[in-house]
């Protein structure tokens, strides 16, 4: 937990990250940044999907609509926070010459998106049957 709090502080102080270890090959830092931006695009897509479910499915039951929308919005928020935290952790690891940090987040996000997708399939099929 203490390491996480330190990482949150580093989100807003990248100059402190630069003081650690030695400067890695710029290609690795730029690849880390591209990965960060890819996670942000994923977060924006999830947030957009949450708003789309809420706005464009008015005939869907309130509980279904809100549940699916909130699941997508929450996944988007977590994805954006994970993006910056993972960027800092990877940058620090590269500068220190350590292994890159492992994460279970991609698996967790995949499961959440799959559950929402299955729920959407059920909603679509129930809508066509009804």
Protein backbone atom coordinates (compact mmCIF):
# COMPACT_ATOMS: atom_id res chain seq x y z
CA UNK A 1 0.00 0.00 0.00
CA UNK A 2 2.82 2.39 0.83
CA UNK A 3 4.37 1.75 -2.59
CA UNK A 4 1.05 2.58 -4.25
CA UNK A 5 0.82 5.88 -2.36
CA UNK A 6 4.38 6.69 -3.43
CA UNK A 7 3.46 5.91 -7.03
CA UNK A 8 0.43 8.22 -6.85
CA UNK A 9 2.73 11.02 -5.72
CA UNK A 10 5.03 10.24 -8.66
CA UNK A 11 2.13 10.61 -11.12
CA UNK A 12 2.43 14.35 -10.60
CA UNK A 13 6.22 14.54 -10.21
CA UNK A 14 7.83 12.88 -13.24
CA UNK A 15 11.07 14.74 -12.52
CA UNK A 16 11.46 12.51 -9.44
CA UNK A 17 11.17 9.42 -11.63
CA UNK A 18 13.98 10.79 -13.82
CA UNK A 19 16.29 11.03 -10.79
CA UNK A 20 16.19 7.26 -10.24
CA UNK A 21 18.72 4.95 -11.82
CA UNK A 22 20.00 5.69 -15.28
CA UNK A 23 18.22 6.88 -18.41
CA UNK A 24 17.04 3.89 -20.45
CA UNK A 25 17.14 3.76 -24.22
CA UNK A 26 14.61 6.35 -25.38
CA UNK A 27 12.86 3.75 -27.52
CA UNK A 28 11.82 1.92 -24.36
CA UNK A 29 10.52 5.08 -22.69
CA UNK A 30 8.60 6.00 -25.83
CA UNK A 31 7.16 2.47 -26.07
CA UNK A 32 6.07 2.79 -22.44
CA UNK A 33 4.37 6.08 -23.31
CA UNK A 34 2.62 4.53 -26.33
CA UNK A 35 1.34 1.74 -24.10
CA UNK A 36 0.08 4.35 -21.63
CA UNK A 37 -1.77 6.15 -24.44
CA UNK A 38 -3.28 2.86 -25.65
CA UNK A 39 -4.65 2.24 -22.16
CA UNK A 40 -6.11 5.75 -22.14
CA UNK A 41 -7.81 5.10 -25.49
CA UNK A 42 -9.26 1.93 -24.01
CA UNK A 43 -10.48 3.89 -20.98
CA UNK A 44 -12.13 6.51 -23.22
CA UNK A 45 -13.82 3.76 -25.27
CA UNK A 46 -15.18 2.15 -22.10
CA UNK A 47 -16.45 5.49 -20.80
CA UNK A 48 -18.03 6.25 -24.17
CA UNK A 49 -19.65 2.82 -24.17
CA UNK A 50 -21.07 3.45 -20.72
CA UNK A 51 -22.64 6.71 -21.84
CA UNK A 52 -23.92 5.07 -25.03
CA UNK A 53 -25.64 2.29 -23.10
CA UNK A 54 -27.30 4.85 -20.85
CA UNK A 55 -28.35 7.26 -23.59
CA UNK A 56 -29.21 5.02 -26.53
CA UNK A 57 -31.03 2.16 -24.83
CA UNK A 58 -33.96 3.95 -23.16
CA UNK A 59 -36.27 0.96 -23.65
CA UNK A 60 -33.96 -1.25 -21.64
CA UNK A 61 -35.04 -1.79 -18.05
CA UNK A 62 -33.67 0.83 -15.68
CA UNK A 63 -31.66 -1.63 -13.58
CA UNK A 64 -30.09 -3.28 -16.65
CA UNK A 65 -29.28 0.03 -18.28
CA UNK A 66 -27.76 1.58 -15.18
CA UNK A 67 -25.92 -1.61 -14.21
CA UNK A 68 -24.30 -2.03 -17.62
CA UNK A 69 -23.51 1.67 -17.95
CA UNK A 70 -21.95 1.84 -14.49
CA UNK A 71 -19.90 -1.30 -15.13
CA UNK A 72 -18.45 0.23 -18.30
CA UNK A 73 -17.88 3.62 -16.66
CA UNK A 74 -16.17 2.05 -13.65
CA UNK A 75 -13.96 -0.05 -15.94
CA UNK A 76 -13.01 3.13 -17.81
CA UNK A 77 -12.10 4.95 -14.61
CA UNK A 78 -10.04 2.02 -13.33
CA UNK A 79 -8.36 1.66 -16.71
CA UNK A 80 -7.29 5.30 -16.79
CA UNK A 81 -5.91 5.13 -13.23
CA UNK A 82 -4.15 1.87 -13.99
CA UNK A 83 -2.59 3.41 -17.10
CA UNK A 84 -0.75 6.14 -15.24
CA UNK A 85 0.22 3.86 -12.35
CA UNK A 86 1.61 1.23 -14.72
CA UNK A 87 3.49 3.88 -16.72
CA UNK A 88 5.25 5.11 -13.56
CA UNK A 89 6.03 1.59 -12.36
CA UNK A 90 7.47 0.58 -15.74
CA UNK A 91 9.51 3.76 -16.09
CA UNK A 92 11.00 3.28 -12.62
CA UNK A 93 11.76 -0.38 -13.32
CA UNK A 94 13.52 0.46 -16.60
CA UNK A 95 15.58 3.17 -14.93
CA UNK A 96 16.59 0.78 -12.14
CA UNK A 97 17.36 -2.11 -14.49
CA UNK A 98 14.65 -4.26 -12.87
CA UNK A 99 12.12 -6.58 -14.46
CA UNK A 100 8.99 -4.83 -15.67
CA UNK A 101 6.10 -5.14 -13.21
CA UNK A 102 3.54 -7.86 -13.79
CA UNK A 103 -0.13 -7.02 -13.57
CA UNK A 104 -3.40 -8.90 -13.30
CA UNK A 105 -5.33 -5.86 -14.47
CA UNK A 106 -5.54 -6.84 -18.17
CA UNK A 107 -7.12 -10.18 -17.19
CA UNK A 108 -9.53 -8.45 -14.79
CA UNK A 109 -10.52 -5.86 -17.40
CA UNK A 110 -11.04 -8.61 -19.99
CA UNK A 111 -13.36 -10.48 -17.63
CA UNK A 112 -15.38 -7.34 -16.86
CA UNK A 113 -15.75 -6.49 -20.55
CA UNK A 114 -16.69 -10.11 -21.35
CA UNK A 115 -19.35 -10.15 -18.61
CA UNK A 116 -20.81 -6.87 -19.89
CA UNK A 117 -20.73 -8.21 -23.46
CA UNK A 118 -22.57 -11.40 -22.42
CA UNK A 119 -25.14 -9.28 -20.59
CA UNK A 120 -25.58 -7.18 -23.73
CA UNK A 121 -26.09 -10.34 -25.81
CA UNK A 122 -28.79 -11.44 -23.36
CA UNK A 123 -30.41 -8.01 -23.57
CA UNK A 124 -30.34 -8.02 -27.37
CA UNK A 125 -31.71 -11.56 -27.63
CA UNK A 126 -34.41 -10.83 -25.03
CA UNK A 127 -35.33 -7.67 -26.96
CA UNK A 128 -35.66 -9.58 -30.23
CA UNK A 129 -37.65 -12.37 -28.57
CA UNK A 130 -39.96 -9.94 -26.79
